[in-house]
Amino acid sequence: MLKKFGYGLVVAGALMLGVGVVNTVFVGSAMAEEKACDKCKHLPSKPEKDCKCECHAAKK
């Protein structure tokens, strides 16, 4: 009984680790796709309040 519980715990831990690794890879690839603006150096999805660059005006 204790062996089965231990194996189940190992399998659950391995699955959680796998999900964490896959999630990290997806987040890293999603963040890598967005490039900063050449003019103002801000990200198009997160403009600064005082930024008047055209790349942010087009998104609104």
N, C-alpha and C. Protein backbone atom coordinates (compact mmCIF):
# COMPACT_ATOMS: atom_id res chain seq x y z
N MET A 1 0.82 -1.19 0.00
CA MET A 1 0.00 0.00 0.00
C MET A 1 0.87 1.26 0.00
N LEU A 2 1.90 1.26 0.84
CA LEU A 2 2.78 2.41 0.93
C LEU A 2 3.59 2.58 -0.35
N LYS A 3 3.95 1.47 -0.99
CA LYS A 3 4.69 1.54 -2.26
C LYS A 3 3.83 2.17 -3.35
N LYS A 4 2.56 1.79 -3.42
CA LYS A 4 1.66 2.35 -4.42
C LYS A 4 1.48 3.84 -4.21
N PHE A 5 1.36 4.25 -2.95
CA PHE A 5 1.22 5.67 -2.64
C PHE A 5 2.47 6.43 -3.04
N GLY A 6 3.63 5.85 -2.78
CA GLY A 6 4.90 6.48 -3.15
C GLY A 6 5.03 6.62 -4.66
N TYR A 7 4.66 5.57 -5.41
CA TYR A 7 4.72 5.64 -6.87
C TYR A 7 3.75 6.69 -7.41
N GLY A 8 2.58 6.75 -6.82
CA GLY A 8 1.60 7.76 -7.24
C GLY A 8 2.10 9.16 -6.99
N LEU A 9 2.78 9.35 -5.86
CA LEU A 9 3.34 10.65 -5.53
C LEU A 9 4.46 11.02 -6.50
N VAL A 10 5.28 10.08 -6.88
CA VAL A 10 6.35 10.33 -7.85
C VAL A 10 5.76 10.69 -9.21
N VAL A 11 4.74 9.97 -9.64
CA VAL A 11 4.10 10.26 -10.93
C VAL A 11 3.46 11.64 -10.91
N ALA A 12 2.76 11.98 -9.84
CA ALA A 12 2.14 13.30 -9.74
C ALA A 12 3.19 14.40 -9.75
N GLY A 13 4.29 14.19 -9.05
CA GLY A 13 5.38 15.17 -9.04
C GLY A 13 6.00 15.35 -10.42
N ALA A 14 6.19 14.25 -11.13
CA ALA A 14 6.75 14.32 -12.49
C ALA A 14 5.82 15.07 -13.43
N LEU A 15 4.52 14.82 -13.31
CA LEU A 15 3.55 15.53 -14.16
C LEU A 15 3.54 17.03 -13.85
N MET A 16 3.59 17.37 -12.58
CA MET A 16 3.61 18.80 -12.21
C MET A 16 4.88 19.47 -12.70
N LEU A 17 6.00 18.79 -12.62
CA LEU A 17 7.26 19.34 -13.12
C LEU A 17 7.18 19.53 -14.63
N GLY A 18 6.61 18.56 -15.33
CA GLY A 18 6.46 18.68 -16.79
C GLY A 18 5.58 19.84 -17.18
N VAL A 19 4.49 20.04 -16.47
CA VAL A 19 3.59 21.16 -16.75
C VAL A 19 4.32 22.48 -16.50
N GLY A 20 5.09 22.56 -15.45
CA GLY A 20 5.84 23.77 -15.14
C GLY A 20 6.87 24.10 -16.20
N VAL A 21 7.57 23.09 -16.71
CA VAL A 21 8.57 23.31 -17.76
C VAL A 21 7.89 23.76 -19.06
N VAL A 22 6.81 23.12 -19.43
CA VAL A 22 6.10 23.50 -20.66
C VAL A 22 5.54 24.91 -20.54
N ASN A 23 4.99 25.26 -19.39
CA ASN A 23 4.45 26.60 -19.17
C ASN A 23 5.57 27.64 -19.29
N THR A 24 6.72 27.36 -18.72
CA THR A 24 7.85 28.29 -18.79
C THR A 24 8.30 28.48 -20.24
N VAL A 25 8.32 27.42 -21.02
CA VAL A 25 8.72 27.52 -22.42
C VAL A 25 7.72 28.37 -23.20
N PHE A 26 6.42 28.17 -22.97
CA PHE A 26 5.40 28.95 -23.68
C PHE A 26 5.47 30.42 -23.30
N VAL A 27 5.64 30.72 -22.03
CA VAL A 27 5.72 32.12 -21.59
C VAL A 27 6.97 32.76 -22.16
N GLY A 28 8.07 32.05 -22.16
CA GLY A 28 9.31 32.59 -22.71
C GLY A 28 9.21 32.87 -24.19
N SER A 29 8.54 32.00 -24.93
CA SER A 29 8.41 32.22 -26.38
C SER A 29 7.43 33.35 -26.66
N ALA A 30 6.40 33.50 -25.85
CA ALA A 30 5.44 34.58 -26.06
C ALA A 30 6.08 35.93 -25.75
N MET A 31 6.92 35.99 -24.76
CA MET A 31 7.59 37.24 -24.42
C MET A 31 8.68 37.58 -25.43
N ALA A 32 9.27 36.58 -26.04
CA ALA A 32 10.35 36.82 -26.98
C ALA A 32 9.84 37.39 -28.30
N GLU A 33 8.57 37.19 -28.62
CA GLU A 33 8.04 37.65 -29.90
C GLU A 33 7.84 39.16 -29.96
N GLU A 34 7.59 39.80 -28.84
CA GLU A 34 7.30 41.22 -28.83
C GLU A 34 8.61 42.01 -28.79
N LYS A 35 8.81 42.87 -29.78
CA LYS A 35 10.01 43.68 -29.84
C LYS A 35 9.71 45.10 -29.39
N ALA A 36 10.71 45.72 -28.80
CA ALA A 36 10.56 47.10 -28.36
C ALA A 36 10.59 48.02 -29.57
N CYS A 37 9.92 49.15 -29.42
CA CYS A 37 9.87 50.16 -30.48
C CYS A 37 11.27 50.72 -30.72
N ASP A 38 11.63 50.93 -31.97
CA ASP A 38 12.94 51.48 -32.30
C ASP A 38 13.08 52.94 -31.90
N LYS A 39 11.97 53.67 -31.91
CA LYS A 39 12.02 55.10 -31.62
C LYS A 39 12.04 55.39 -30.12
N CYS A 40 11.11 54.79 -29.39
CA CYS A 40 10.97 55.13 -27.97
C CYS A 40 11.47 54.05 -27.03
N LYS A 41 11.77 52.86 -27.54
CA LYS A 41 12.27 51.72 -26.76
C LYS A 41 11.26 51.15 -25.77
N HIS A 42 9.99 51.48 -25.93
CA HIS A 42 8.94 50.89 -25.10
C HIS A 42 8.33 49.69 -25.82
N LEU A 43 7.71 48.80 -25.06
CA LEU A 43 6.98 47.69 -25.67
C LEU A 43 5.65 48.21 -26.19
N PRO A 44 5.22 47.80 -27.38
CA PRO A 44 3.95 48.29 -27.93
C PRO A 44 2.74 47.97 -27.05
N SER A 45 2.77 46.86 -26.33
CA SER A 45 1.62 46.50 -25.50
C SER A 45 1.60 47.25 -24.17
N LYS A 46 2.73 47.84 -23.77
CA LYS A 46 2.82 48.55 -22.49
C LYS A 46 3.48 49.91 -22.69
N PRO A 47 2.77 50.86 -23.27
CA PRO A 47 3.38 52.17 -23.47
C PRO A 47 3.48 52.94 -22.15
N GLU A 48 4.45 53.82 -22.08
CA GLU A 48 4.57 54.70 -20.92
C GLU A 48 3.53 55.80 -21.04
N LYS A 49 3.20 56.43 -19.93
CA LYS A 49 2.14 57.44 -19.93
C LYS A 49 2.51 58.67 -20.75
N ASP A 50 3.78 59.03 -20.79
CA ASP A 50 4.19 60.23 -21.50
C ASP A 50 4.65 59.95 -22.93
N CYS A 51 4.49 58.72 -23.42
CA CYS A 51 4.96 58.35 -24.75
C CYS A 51 3.97 58.82 -25.82
N LYS A 52 4.48 59.49 -26.84
CA LYS A 52 3.63 59.99 -27.92
C LYS A 52 4.04 59.36 -29.25
N CYS A 53 4.62 58.18 -29.20
CA CYS A 53 5.09 57.49 -30.39
C CYS A 53 3.91 56.93 -31.19
N GLU A 54 4.06 56.86 -32.52
CA GLU A 54 2.98 56.36 -33.39
C GLU A 54 2.68 54.88 -33.19
N CYS A 55 3.67 54.12 -32.74
CA CYS A 55 3.46 52.68 -32.60
C CYS A 55 2.43 52.38 -31.51
N HIS A 56 2.28 53.26 -30.54
CA HIS A 56 1.29 53.05 -29.47
C HIS A 56 -0.05 53.66 -29.86
N ALA A 57 -0.06 54.69 -30.64
CA ALA A 57 -1.31 55.31 -31.05
C ALA A 57 -2.12 54.39 -31.96
N ALA A 58 -1.43 53.57 -32.75
CA ALA A 58 -2.12 52.66 -33.67
C ALA A 58 -2.82 51.52 -32.92
N LYS A 59 -2.30 51.14 -31.75
CA LYS A 59 -2.88 50.04 -30.98
C LYS A 59 -4.17 50.45 -30.27
N LYS A 60 -4.35 51.74 -29.99
CA LYS A 60 -5.52 52.19 -29.24
C LYS A 60 -6.68 52.20 -30.13
